[in-house]
Amino acid sequence: MVQKTKYFFLSLLFIYSTLSLAQIEKIEIDHNKSSVEFLAIGNPSALKIKGENAKVQGEISSSLNIIGAKLKVDLNEFVTGIDMRDEHMKEEYFETNKAENRYVTLEIINLDIPDSFWKKSEEWKGNFKGKLKLHNVEKDITGDITFSPYKKGDNVITVSRFPIKLTDFKINVPSFVGVTVAEVVNVEVKLPLIVVVK
């Protein structure tokens, strides 16, 4: 009985080790389920302006446990719930009528995912470094990122959050019908990832 129990646990250990060595063939973004939102706080009324409805285009690269991303978002897709405000935001501040300003790009560089994430099917939280190009200005940024538990056959949901200081990107602080928006805007990017394992 002891010998059988020993072999049982050795078999489990072998299976566990084999699964932990599974290599990722590719990672794709589920574009239709992606989302980007920003939250701007108004002053003096403390009005919260939420921009939403934008989707993410791009590609994910992976090598062992290092992940990178090149993402692109069309600023014209954002809506805030008021058509006139949307038009004002895009024409006066984002200046999306200029081709070089229409898209914002984000490159996430060398995100190191611990091996335990793939083994244990547990949520993982970390930080990322990247480059953000907005309003034809590129800046280094940092933020936090969360990965939902990895389960074979299911999407891994990543949520990234980071602040943007508008004046860093040569965007004037927006003002609309007497409400001035705070200089720092918070951004959230939700990416469902399709993980294909060899």
N, C-alpha and C. Protein backbone atom coordinates (compact mmCIF):
# COMPACT_ATOMS: atom_id res chain seq x y z
N MET A 1 0.83 -1.21 0.00
CA MET A 1 0.00 0.00 0.00
C MET A 1 0.86 1.25 0.00
N VAL A 2 1.92 1.25 0.82
CA VAL A 2 2.83 2.38 0.88
C VAL A 2 3.50 2.61 -0.47
N GLN A 3 3.88 1.49 -1.13
CA GLN A 3 4.55 1.58 -2.43
C GLN A 3 3.61 2.18 -3.47
N LYS A 4 2.33 1.76 -3.47
CA LYS A 4 1.36 2.30 -4.42
C LYS A 4 1.13 3.78 -4.20
N THR A 5 1.05 4.17 -2.93
CA THR A 5 0.87 5.59 -2.60
C THR A 5 2.05 6.41 -3.10
N LYS A 6 3.24 5.84 -2.93
CA LYS A 6 4.46 6.52 -3.37
C LYS A 6 4.41 6.75 -4.88
N TYR A 7 4.05 5.69 -5.64
CA TYR A 7 3.99 5.82 -7.09
C TYR A 7 2.91 6.80 -7.52
N PHE A 8 1.80 6.85 -6.78
CA PHE A 8 0.72 7.78 -7.09
C PHE A 8 1.20 9.22 -7.01
N PHE A 9 1.88 9.55 -5.93
CA PHE A 9 2.37 10.92 -5.74
C PHE A 9 3.49 11.25 -6.73
N LEU A 10 4.31 10.27 -7.06
CA LEU A 10 5.35 10.50 -8.07
C LEU A 10 4.72 10.79 -9.43
N SER A 11 3.62 10.09 -9.73
CA SER A 11 2.91 10.32 -10.99
C SER A 11 2.33 11.72 -11.03
N LEU A 12 1.73 12.14 -9.92
CA LEU A 12 1.19 13.50 -9.85
C LEU A 12 2.29 14.54 -10.04
N LEU A 13 3.44 14.30 -9.41
CA LEU A 13 4.56 15.22 -9.52
C LEU A 13 5.03 15.31 -10.97
N PHE A 14 5.07 14.17 -11.66
CA PHE A 14 5.48 14.16 -13.07
C PHE A 14 4.51 14.96 -13.93
N ILE A 15 3.22 14.73 -13.73
CA ILE A 15 2.20 15.46 -14.50
C ILE A 15 2.31 16.96 -14.22
N TYR A 16 2.44 17.33 -12.96
CA TYR A 16 2.54 18.73 -12.57
C TYR A 16 3.74 19.38 -13.24
N SER A 17 4.89 18.67 -13.21
CA SER A 17 6.10 19.21 -13.80
C SER A 17 5.95 19.36 -15.30
N THR A 18 5.31 18.38 -15.95
CA THR A 18 5.13 18.45 -17.39
C THR A 18 4.27 19.63 -17.78
N LEU A 19 3.18 19.83 -17.05
CA LEU A 19 2.30 20.95 -17.35
C LEU A 19 3.01 22.28 -17.14
N SER A 20 3.88 22.36 -16.16
CA SER A 20 4.55 23.63 -15.87
C SER A 20 5.55 23.98 -16.96
N LEU A 21 5.96 22.99 -17.77
CA LEU A 21 6.92 23.23 -18.83
C LEU A 21 6.24 23.47 -20.19
N ALA A 22 4.91 23.43 -20.20
CA ALA A 22 4.20 23.64 -21.46
C ALA A 22 4.56 25.01 -22.04
N GLN A 23 4.88 25.02 -23.29
CA GLN A 23 5.29 26.28 -23.92
C GLN A 23 4.10 26.95 -24.59
N ILE A 24 4.12 28.27 -24.54
CA ILE A 24 3.06 29.04 -25.19
C ILE A 24 3.40 29.17 -26.66
N GLU A 25 2.48 28.74 -27.50
CA GLU A 25 2.68 28.87 -28.95
C GLU A 25 2.40 30.30 -29.40
N LYS A 26 1.30 30.88 -28.91
CA LYS A 26 0.97 32.27 -29.25
C LYS A 26 -0.08 32.79 -28.28
N ILE A 27 -0.14 34.10 -28.19
CA ILE A 27 -1.16 34.77 -27.39
C ILE A 27 -1.83 35.81 -28.28
N GLU A 28 -3.16 35.77 -28.34
CA GLU A 28 -3.89 36.70 -29.19
C GLU A 28 -4.86 37.53 -28.34
N ILE A 29 -5.15 38.72 -28.80
CA ILE A 29 -6.12 39.59 -28.13
C ILE A 29 -7.51 39.32 -28.69
N ASP A 30 -8.46 39.11 -27.81
CA ASP A 30 -9.87 39.00 -28.22
C ASP A 30 -10.39 40.43 -28.38
N HIS A 31 -10.20 40.98 -29.57
CA HIS A 31 -10.47 42.40 -29.84
C HIS A 31 -11.89 42.81 -29.45
N ASN A 32 -12.88 42.00 -29.81
CA ASN A 32 -14.28 42.38 -29.60
C ASN A 32 -14.65 42.49 -28.13
N LYS A 33 -13.91 41.78 -27.27
CA LYS A 33 -14.22 41.83 -25.84
C LYS A 33 -13.29 42.76 -25.07
N SER A 34 -12.39 43.41 -25.78
CA SER A 34 -11.45 44.35 -25.13
C SER A 34 -12.16 45.67 -24.84
N SER A 35 -11.57 46.46 -23.97
CA SER A 35 -12.14 47.78 -23.67
C SER A 35 -11.07 48.70 -23.10
N VAL A 36 -11.23 49.97 -23.38
CA VAL A 36 -10.39 51.01 -22.78
C VAL A 36 -11.32 52.08 -22.22
N GLU A 37 -11.06 52.48 -21.00
CA GLU A 37 -11.86 53.52 -20.36
C GLU A 37 -10.94 54.55 -19.72
N PHE A 38 -11.40 55.79 -19.69
CA PHE A 38 -10.67 56.79 -18.91
C PHE A 38 -11.65 57.50 -17.97
N LEU A 39 -11.12 57.96 -16.87
CA LEU A 39 -11.93 58.68 -15.89
C LEU A 39 -11.26 60.00 -15.59
N ALA A 40 -12.00 61.09 -15.87
CA ALA A 40 -11.51 62.44 -15.60
C ALA A 40 -12.43 63.08 -14.56
N ILE A 41 -11.84 63.73 -13.59
CA ILE A 41 -12.61 64.38 -12.53
C ILE A 41 -12.74 65.86 -12.83
N GLY A 42 -13.99 66.34 -12.81
CA GLY A 42 -14.24 67.75 -13.09
C GLY A 42 -13.98 68.62 -11.87
N ASN A 43 -13.71 69.88 -12.14
CA ASN A 43 -13.46 70.85 -11.07
C ASN A 43 -14.13 72.17 -11.47
N PRO A 44 -14.94 72.81 -10.62
CA PRO A 44 -15.10 72.57 -9.18
C PRO A 44 -16.25 71.63 -8.82
N SER A 45 -17.00 71.15 -9.78
CA SER A 45 -18.21 70.41 -9.45
C SER A 45 -17.96 68.96 -9.06
N ALA A 46 -16.71 68.49 -9.15
CA ALA A 46 -16.37 67.09 -8.87
C ALA A 46 -17.12 66.14 -9.79
N LEU A 47 -17.51 66.63 -10.96
CA LEU A 47 -18.18 65.80 -11.95
C LEU A 47 -17.21 64.75 -12.48
N LYS A 48 -17.66 63.51 -12.56
CA LYS A 48 -16.83 62.44 -13.11
C LYS A 48 -17.19 62.23 -14.57
N ILE A 49 -16.19 62.36 -15.43
CA ILE A 49 -16.39 62.17 -16.86
C ILE A 49 -15.72 60.86 -17.26
N LYS A 50 -16.54 59.93 -17.72
CA LYS A 50 -16.03 58.60 -18.07
C LYS A 50 -16.07 58.42 -19.58
N GLY A 51 -14.91 58.15 -20.16
CA GLY A 51 -14.84 57.84 -21.58
C GLY A 51 -14.77 56.33 -21.75
N GLU A 52 -15.60 55.81 -22.64
CA GLU A 52 -15.63 54.36 -22.82
C GLU A 52 -15.98 54.01 -24.26
N ASN A 53 -16.12 52.72 -24.54
CA ASN A 53 -16.53 52.19 -25.83
C ASN A 53 -15.37 51.92 -26.79
N ALA A 54 -14.14 52.29 -26.44
CA ALA A 54 -13.00 52.07 -27.32
C ALA A 54 -12.51 50.63 -27.21
N LYS A 55 -12.06 50.09 -28.34
CA LYS A 55 -11.51 48.73 -28.41
C LYS A 55 -10.01 48.80 -28.65
N VAL A 56 -9.36 47.64 -28.47
CA VAL A 56 -7.91 47.57 -28.59
C VAL A 56 -7.51 46.70 -29.78
N GLN A 57 -6.65 47.24 -30.62
CA GLN A 57 -6.00 46.46 -31.66
C GLN A 57 -4.55 46.23 -31.23
N GLY A 58 -3.93 45.17 -31.74
CA GLY A 58 -2.53 44.99 -31.42
C GLY A 58 -2.11 43.55 -31.39
N GLU A 59 -0.90 43.35 -30.88
CA GLU A 59 -0.35 42.00 -30.83
C GLU A 59 0.43 41.78 -29.55
N ILE A 60 0.49 40.53 -29.14
CA ILE A 60 1.21 40.12 -27.93
C ILE A 60 2.38 39.24 -28.34
N SER A 61 3.53 39.46 -27.75
CA SER A 61 4.68 38.60 -27.99
C SER A 61 5.02 37.88 -26.68
N SER A 62 5.57 36.66 -26.80
CA SER A 62 5.94 35.92 -25.59
C SER A 62 7.18 35.09 -25.85
N SER A 63 8.04 35.04 -24.86
CA SER A 63 9.23 34.20 -24.89
C SER A 63 9.48 33.72 -23.48
N LEU A 64 9.30 32.39 -23.27
CA LEU A 64 9.31 31.83 -21.92
C LEU A 64 8.26 32.56 -21.11
N ASN A 65 8.62 33.21 -20.01
CA ASN A 65 7.62 33.91 -19.20
C ASN A 65 7.65 35.42 -19.40
N ILE A 66 8.35 35.89 -20.44
CA ILE A 66 8.41 37.31 -20.72
C ILE A 66 7.37 37.66 -21.78
N ILE A 67 6.52 38.61 -21.45
CA ILE A 67 5.45 39.02 -22.36
C ILE A 67 5.63 40.49 -22.73
N GLY A 68 5.38 40.79 -24.00
CA GLY A 68 5.39 42.17 -24.47
C GLY A 68 4.10 42.44 -25.23
N ALA A 69 3.77 43.70 -25.43
CA ALA A 69 2.54 44.04 -26.13
C ALA A 69 2.71 45.34 -26.90
N LYS A 70 2.12 45.38 -28.08
CA LYS A 70 2.02 46.61 -28.87
C LYS A 70 0.55 46.83 -29.16
N LEU A 71 -0.01 47.87 -28.55
CA LEU A 71 -1.45 48.09 -28.59
C LEU A 71 -1.77 49.42 -29.24
N LYS A 72 -2.96 49.49 -29.86
CA LYS A 72 -3.39 50.72 -30.53
C LYS A 72 -4.88 50.93 -30.29
N VAL A 73 -5.24 52.17 -30.01
CA VAL A 73 -6.65 52.52 -29.75
C VAL A 73 -7.02 53.74 -30.58
N ASP A 74 -8.19 53.70 -31.20
CA ASP A 74 -8.71 54.82 -31.98
C ASP A 74 -9.43 55.78 -31.03
N LEU A 75 -8.88 56.98 -30.87
CA LEU A 75 -9.47 57.95 -29.95
C LEU A 75 -10.88 58.37 -30.36
N ASN A 76 -11.21 58.24 -31.64
CA ASN A 76 -12.56 58.61 -32.09
C ASN A 76 -13.63 57.66 -31.59
N GLU A 77 -13.23 56.50 -31.05
CA GLU A 77 -14.22 55.55 -30.55
C GLU A 77 -14.74 55.91 -29.16
N PHE A 78 -14.04 56.77 -28.44
CA PHE A 78 -14.46 57.11 -27.08
C PHE A 78 -15.76 57.91 -27.09
N VAL A 79 -16.64 57.58 -26.15
CA VAL A 79 -17.86 58.36 -25.93
C VAL A 79 -17.98 58.64 -24.44
N THR A 80 -18.55 59.79 -24.11
CA THR A 80 -18.71 60.18 -22.70
C THR A 80 -20.16 60.34 -22.29
N GLY A 81 -21.08 60.12 -23.23
CA GLY A 81 -22.49 60.23 -22.89
C GLY A 81 -23.13 61.52 -23.34
N ILE A 82 -22.33 62.48 -23.79
CA ILE A 82 -22.85 63.76 -24.31
C ILE A 82 -22.18 64.02 -25.66
N ASP A 83 -22.96 64.01 -26.73
CA ASP A 83 -22.41 64.13 -28.07
C ASP A 83 -21.59 65.40 -28.26
N MET A 84 -22.11 66.52 -27.78
CA MET A 84 -21.40 67.78 -27.96
C MET A 84 -20.06 67.77 -27.24
N ARG A 85 -20.04 67.18 -26.04
CA ARG A 85 -18.79 67.08 -25.28
C ARG A 85 -17.79 66.17 -25.99
N ASP A 86 -18.29 65.08 -26.57
CA ASP A 86 -17.42 64.18 -27.32
C ASP A 86 -16.76 64.90 -28.48
N GLU A 87 -17.56 65.64 -29.22
CA GLU A 87 -17.04 66.38 -30.37
C GLU A 87 -16.01 67.41 -29.94
N HIS A 88 -16.31 68.10 -28.87
CA HIS A 88 -15.41 69.12 -28.33
C HIS A 88 -14.08 68.48 -27.89
N MET A 89 -14.18 67.35 -27.21
CA MET A 89 -12.99 66.66 -26.70
C MET A 89 -12.08 66.21 -27.84
N LYS A 90 -12.69 65.64 -28.87
CA LYS A 90 -11.89 65.08 -29.97
C LYS A 90 -11.32 66.17 -30.88
N GLU A 91 -12.10 67.20 -31.14
CA GLU A 91 -11.65 68.24 -32.07
C GLU A 91 -10.71 69.25 -31.41
N GLU A 92 -11.05 69.67 -30.19
CA GLU A 92 -10.29 70.75 -29.54
C GLU A 92 -9.07 70.26 -28.76
N TYR A 93 -9.15 69.06 -28.20
CA TYR A 93 -8.08 68.62 -27.29
C TYR A 93 -7.27 67.44 -27.87
N PHE A 94 -7.94 66.38 -28.28
CA PHE A 94 -7.23 65.27 -28.89
C PHE A 94 -6.78 65.59 -30.32
N GLU A 95 -7.51 66.48 -30.97
CA GLU A 95 -7.22 66.88 -32.36
C GLU A 95 -7.13 65.66 -33.28
N THR A 96 -8.14 64.81 -33.19
CA THR A 96 -8.13 63.58 -33.98
C THR A 96 -8.34 63.81 -35.47
N ASN A 97 -8.66 65.04 -35.86
CA ASN A 97 -8.76 65.35 -37.29
C ASN A 97 -7.39 65.30 -37.96
N LYS A 98 -6.33 65.36 -37.16
CA LYS A 98 -4.97 65.20 -37.68
C LYS A 98 -4.60 63.72 -37.60
N ALA A 99 -4.12 63.17 -38.72
CA ALA A 99 -3.86 61.73 -38.79
C ALA A 99 -2.90 61.26 -37.71
N GLU A 100 -1.89 62.08 -37.38
CA GLU A 100 -0.88 61.66 -36.40
C GLU A 100 -1.42 61.65 -34.97
N ASN A 101 -2.62 62.21 -34.76
CA ASN A 101 -3.19 62.28 -33.41
C ASN A 101 -4.35 61.32 -33.18
N ARG A 102 -4.82 60.69 -34.24
CA ARG A 102 -6.05 59.90 -34.11
C ARG A 102 -5.88 58.68 -33.21
N TYR A 103 -4.71 58.06 -33.24
CA TYR A 103 -4.51 56.84 -32.47
C TYR A 103 -3.56 57.07 -31.30
N VAL A 104 -3.83 56.37 -30.22
CA VAL A 104 -2.90 56.31 -29.09
C VAL A 104 -2.31 54.91 -29.08
N THR A 105 -1.01 54.82 -28.87
CA THR A 105 -0.37 53.51 -28.84
C THR A 105 0.31 53.29 -27.50
N LEU A 106 0.32 52.04 -27.09
CA LEU A 106 0.95 51.65 -25.84
C LEU A 106 1.81 50.42 -26.09
N GLU A 107 3.08 50.51 -25.74
CA GLU A 107 3.97 49.37 -25.82
C GLU A 107 4.38 48.96 -24.42
N ILE A 108 4.05 47.73 -24.05
CA ILE A 108 4.47 47.17 -22.77
C ILE A 108 5.72 46.33 -23.00
N ILE A 109 6.75 46.58 -22.22
CA ILE A 109 8.06 46.00 -22.48
C ILE A 109 8.46 45.00 -21.39
N ASN A 110 8.82 43.79 -21.80
CA ASN A 110 9.44 42.79 -20.92
C ASN A 110 8.69 42.60 -19.60
N LEU A 111 7.42 42.24 -19.69
CA LEU A 111 6.63 41.95 -18.49
C LEU A 111 6.93 40.52 -18.07
N ASP A 112 7.53 40.36 -16.91
CA ASP A 112 7.99 39.05 -16.43
C ASP A 112 6.89 38.39 -15.60
N ILE A 113 6.26 37.36 -16.16
CA ILE A 113 5.19 36.63 -15.48
C ILE A 113 5.81 35.44 -14.75
N PRO A 114 5.62 35.31 -13.44
CA PRO A 114 6.24 34.19 -12.71
C PRO A 114 5.69 32.85 -13.17
N ASP A 115 6.54 31.84 -13.15
CA ASP A 115 6.16 30.50 -13.58
C ASP A 115 4.98 29.97 -12.77
N SER A 116 4.88 30.39 -11.52
CA SER A 116 3.80 29.92 -10.65
C SER A 116 2.43 30.32 -11.18
N PHE A 117 2.35 31.40 -11.96
CA PHE A 117 1.06 31.82 -12.51
C PHE A 117 0.47 30.73 -13.40
N TRP A 118 1.32 30.14 -14.24
CA TRP A 118 0.84 29.11 -15.16
C TRP A 118 0.57 27.80 -14.43
N LYS A 119 1.27 27.56 -13.33
CA LYS A 119 1.13 26.29 -12.60
C LYS A 119 -0.11 26.25 -11.71
N LYS A 120 -0.35 27.35 -11.00
CA LYS A 120 -1.30 27.29 -9.88
C LYS A 120 -2.69 27.81 -10.20
N SER A 121 -2.90 28.39 -11.37
CA SER A 121 -4.21 28.96 -11.73
C SER A 121 -4.69 29.93 -10.67
N GLU A 122 -3.79 30.86 -10.30
CA GLU A 122 -4.13 31.90 -9.33
C GLU A 122 -3.98 33.27 -9.98
N GLU A 123 -4.74 34.23 -9.49
CA GLU A 123 -4.62 35.60 -9.97
C GLU A 123 -3.20 36.12 -9.70
N TRP A 124 -2.70 36.90 -10.65
CA TRP A 124 -1.37 37.50 -10.47
C TRP A 124 -1.45 39.00 -10.66
N LYS A 125 -0.81 39.74 -9.74
CA LYS A 125 -0.76 41.20 -9.83
C LYS A 125 0.69 41.64 -9.88
N GLY A 126 0.96 42.62 -10.72
CA GLY A 126 2.32 43.13 -10.84
C GLY A 126 2.32 44.55 -11.39
N ASN A 127 3.48 44.97 -11.82
CA ASN A 127 3.65 46.30 -12.40
C ASN A 127 4.26 46.17 -13.78
N PHE A 128 4.01 47.15 -14.61
CA PHE A 128 4.59 47.12 -15.95
C PHE A 128 5.25 48.46 -16.27
N LYS A 129 6.17 48.40 -17.21
CA LYS A 129 6.77 49.61 -17.77
C LYS A 129 6.45 49.63 -19.26
N GLY A 130 6.29 50.82 -19.79
CA GLY A 130 5.96 50.88 -21.21
C GLY A 130 6.18 52.27 -21.78
N LYS A 131 5.79 52.39 -23.04
CA LYS A 131 5.87 53.67 -23.75
C LYS A 131 4.48 53.99 -24.29
N LEU A 132 4.02 55.18 -23.98
CA LEU A 132 2.71 55.63 -24.44
C LEU A 132 2.90 56.78 -25.43
N LYS A 133 2.28 56.65 -26.60
CA LYS A 133 2.31 57.73 -27.57
C LYS A 133 0.91 58.29 -27.73
N LEU A 134 0.75 59.53 -27.34
CA LEU A 134 -0.55 60.20 -27.35
C LEU A 134 -0.36 61.62 -27.85
N HIS A 135 -1.24 62.05 -28.75
CA HIS A 135 -1.15 63.42 -29.28
C HIS A 135 0.22 63.67 -29.92
N ASN A 136 0.75 62.59 -30.52
CA ASN A 136 2.05 62.60 -31.22
C ASN A 136 3.22 62.90 -30.29
N VAL A 137 3.04 62.58 -29.01
CA VAL A 137 4.12 62.72 -28.01
C VAL A 137 4.30 61.37 -27.34
N GLU A 138 5.53 60.90 -27.23
CA GLU A 138 5.80 59.60 -26.61
C GLU A 138 6.48 59.79 -25.26
N LYS A 139 5.97 59.07 -24.25
CA LYS A 139 6.51 59.16 -22.89
C LYS A 139 6.61 57.77 -22.28
N ASP A 140 7.58 57.59 -21.39
CA ASP A 140 7.64 56.37 -20.58
C ASP A 140 6.56 56.42 -19.52
N ILE A 141 5.92 55.28 -19.28
CA ILE A 141 4.90 55.22 -18.24
C ILE A 141 5.09 53.95 -17.42
N THR A 142 4.47 53.94 -16.26
CA THR A 142 4.40 52.74 -15.42
C THR A 142 2.96 52.58 -14.95
N GLY A 143 2.61 51.37 -14.61
CA GLY A 143 1.26 51.11 -14.13
C GLY A 143 1.18 49.77 -13.45
N ASP A 144 -0.01 49.42 -13.00
CA ASP A 144 -0.20 48.10 -12.41
C ASP A 144 -1.07 47.24 -13.32
N ILE A 145 -0.89 45.95 -13.21
CA ILE A 145 -1.60 45.03 -14.09
C ILE A 145 -2.01 43.78 -13.31
N THR A 146 -3.18 43.26 -13.65
CA THR A 146 -3.71 42.05 -13.00
C THR A 146 -4.05 41.02 -14.08
N PHE A 147 -3.63 39.77 -13.84
CA PHE A 147 -3.98 38.66 -14.71
C PHE A 147 -4.96 37.76 -13.98
N SER A 148 -6.08 37.43 -14.62
CA SER A 148 -7.00 36.46 -14.02
C SER A 148 -6.36 35.08 -14.07
N PRO A 149 -6.81 34.12 -13.24
CA PRO A 149 -6.21 32.78 -13.21
C PRO A 149 -6.19 32.13 -14.59
N TYR A 150 -5.08 31.46 -14.90
CA TYR A 150 -4.96 30.76 -16.18
C TYR A 150 -5.62 29.40 -16.09
N LYS A 151 -6.58 29.17 -16.99
CA LYS A 151 -7.22 27.86 -17.11
C LYS A 151 -7.25 27.51 -18.59
N LYS A 152 -6.70 26.37 -18.92
CA LYS A 152 -6.61 25.98 -20.31
C LYS A 152 -7.98 26.00 -20.96
N GLY A 153 -8.08 26.65 -22.11
CA GLY A 153 -9.34 26.74 -22.83
C GLY A 153 -10.11 28.01 -22.55
N ASP A 154 -9.75 28.74 -21.48
CA ASP A 154 -10.42 30.00 -21.15
C ASP A 154 -9.52 31.18 -21.45
N ASN A 155 -10.13 32.33 -21.67
CA ASN A 155 -9.35 33.55 -21.84
C ASN A 155 -8.70 33.95 -20.52
N VAL A 156 -7.49 34.50 -20.61
CA VAL A 156 -6.89 35.16 -19.45
C VAL A 156 -7.25 36.64 -19.57
N ILE A 157 -7.88 37.18 -18.54
CA ILE A 157 -8.29 38.58 -18.57
C ILE A 157 -7.23 39.42 -17.88
N THR A 158 -6.67 40.38 -18.61
CA THR A 158 -5.71 41.30 -18.00
C THR A 158 -6.36 42.68 -17.88
N VAL A 159 -6.09 43.32 -16.76
CA VAL A 159 -6.58 44.68 -16.54
C VAL A 159 -5.39 45.55 -16.13
N SER A 160 -5.10 46.57 -16.94
CA SER A 160 -3.99 47.48 -16.68
C SER A 160 -4.54 48.85 -16.29
N ARG A 161 -3.90 49.47 -15.33
CA ARG A 161 -4.32 50.81 -14.90
C ARG A 161 -3.10 51.71 -14.78
N PHE A 162 -3.26 52.95 -15.26
CA PHE A 162 -2.17 53.91 -15.16
C PHE A 162 -2.72 55.33 -15.31
N PRO A 163 -2.04 56.31 -14.72
CA PRO A 163 -2.47 57.71 -14.86
C PRO A 163 -1.77 58.39 -16.04
N ILE A 164 -2.43 59.38 -16.60
CA ILE A 164 -1.85 60.21 -17.66
C ILE A 164 -1.96 61.67 -17.25
N LYS A 165 -0.85 62.37 -17.31
CA LYS A 165 -0.86 63.82 -17.09
C LYS A 165 -0.97 64.49 -18.45
N LEU A 166 -2.10 65.14 -18.70
CA LEU A 166 -2.42 65.64 -20.03
C LEU A 166 -1.36 66.59 -20.57
N THR A 167 -0.86 67.48 -19.72
CA THR A 167 0.12 68.46 -20.20
C THR A 167 1.44 67.82 -20.62
N ASP A 168 1.74 66.61 -20.10
CA ASP A 168 2.94 65.89 -20.54
C ASP A 168 2.86 65.55 -22.02
N PHE A 169 1.64 65.45 -22.53
CA PHE A 169 1.42 65.08 -23.93
C PHE A 169 0.94 66.28 -24.76
N LYS A 170 1.21 67.47 -24.25
CA LYS A 170 0.87 68.72 -24.94
C LYS A 170 -0.62 68.82 -25.24
N ILE A 171 -1.42 68.32 -24.30
CA ILE A 171 -2.87 68.46 -24.39
C ILE A 171 -3.30 69.48 -23.35
N ASN A 172 -3.99 70.51 -23.78
CA ASN A 172 -4.48 71.51 -22.84
C ASN A 172 -5.51 70.89 -21.91
N VAL A 173 -5.54 71.36 -20.68
CA VAL A 173 -6.52 70.85 -19.71
C VAL A 173 -7.92 71.20 -20.20
N PRO A 174 -8.77 70.20 -20.47
CA PRO A 174 -10.09 70.45 -21.07
C PRO A 174 -11.02 71.23 -20.15
N SER A 175 -11.83 72.07 -20.78
CA SER A 175 -12.87 72.81 -20.07
C SER A 175 -14.12 72.78 -20.93
N PHE A 176 -15.27 72.46 -20.31
CA PHE A 176 -16.51 72.35 -21.07
C PHE A 176 -17.66 72.87 -20.23
N VAL A 177 -18.39 73.82 -20.76
CA VAL A 177 -19.53 74.48 -20.09
C VAL A 177 -19.23 74.78 -18.61
N GLY A 178 -18.11 75.39 -18.36
CA GLY A 178 -17.78 75.83 -17.02
C GLY A 178 -17.11 74.80 -16.13
N VAL A 179 -16.94 73.59 -16.63
CA VAL A 179 -16.30 72.53 -15.84
C VAL A 179 -14.91 72.28 -16.41
N THR A 180 -13.90 72.41 -15.56
CA THR A 180 -12.52 72.15 -15.97
C THR A 180 -12.11 70.77 -15.45
N VAL A 181 -11.50 70.00 -16.33
CA VAL A 181 -11.10 68.64 -15.98
C VAL A 181 -9.74 68.67 -15.30
N ALA A 182 -9.56 67.80 -14.31
CA ALA A 182 -8.27 67.70 -13.63
C ALA A 182 -7.18 67.31 -14.63
N GLU A 183 -5.95 67.73 -14.34
CA GLU A 183 -4.85 67.52 -15.26
C GLU A 183 -4.49 66.05 -15.42
N VAL A 184 -4.71 65.25 -14.37
CA VAL A 184 -4.38 63.82 -14.41
C VAL A 184 -5.64 63.01 -14.68
N VAL A 185 -5.57 62.15 -15.68
CA VAL A 185 -6.68 61.29 -16.07
C VAL A 185 -6.26 59.83 -15.84
N ASN A 186 -7.15 59.04 -15.26
CA ASN A 186 -6.85 57.63 -14.99
C ASN A 186 -7.40 56.74 -16.11
N VAL A 187 -6.57 55.80 -16.56
CA VAL A 187 -6.91 54.94 -17.69
C VAL A 187 -6.95 53.48 -17.25
N GLU A 188 -7.92 52.74 -17.79
CA GLU A 188 -8.01 51.30 -17.54
C GLU A 188 -8.15 50.57 -18.86
N VAL A 189 -7.27 49.59 -19.08
CA VAL A 189 -7.29 48.78 -20.30
C VAL A 189 -7.60 47.33 -19.94
N LYS A 190 -8.67 46.81 -20.52
CA LYS A 190 -9.05 45.41 -20.27
C LYS A 190 -8.79 44.60 -21.53
N LEU A 191 -7.95 43.57 -21.40
CA LEU A 191 -7.60 42.73 -22.55
C LEU A 191 -7.90 41.26 -22.25
N PRO A 192 -8.85 40.67 -22.93
CA PRO A 192 -9.01 39.21 -22.86
C PRO A 192 -7.98 38.57 -23.80
N LEU A 193 -7.16 37.68 -23.28
CA LEU A 193 -6.11 37.05 -24.05
C LEU A 193 -6.43 35.59 -24.33
N ILE A 194 -6.28 35.20 -25.58
CA ILE A 194 -6.45 33.80 -25.98
C ILE A 194 -5.06 33.17 -25.97
N VAL A 195 -4.83 32.23 -25.07
CA VAL A 195 -3.52 31.59 -24.91
C VAL A 195 -3.55 30.22 -25.58
N VAL A 196 -2.67 30.05 -26.56
CA VAL A 196 -2.58 28.79 -27.28
C VAL A 196 -1.30 28.09 -26.84
N VAL A 197 -1.44 26.89 -26.26
CA VAL A 197 -0.30 26.14 -25.74
C VAL A 197 0.02 24.99 -26.70
N LYS A 198 1.30 24.77 -26.94
CA LYS A 198 1.73 23.68 -27.84
C LYS A 198 1.34 22.33 -27.25
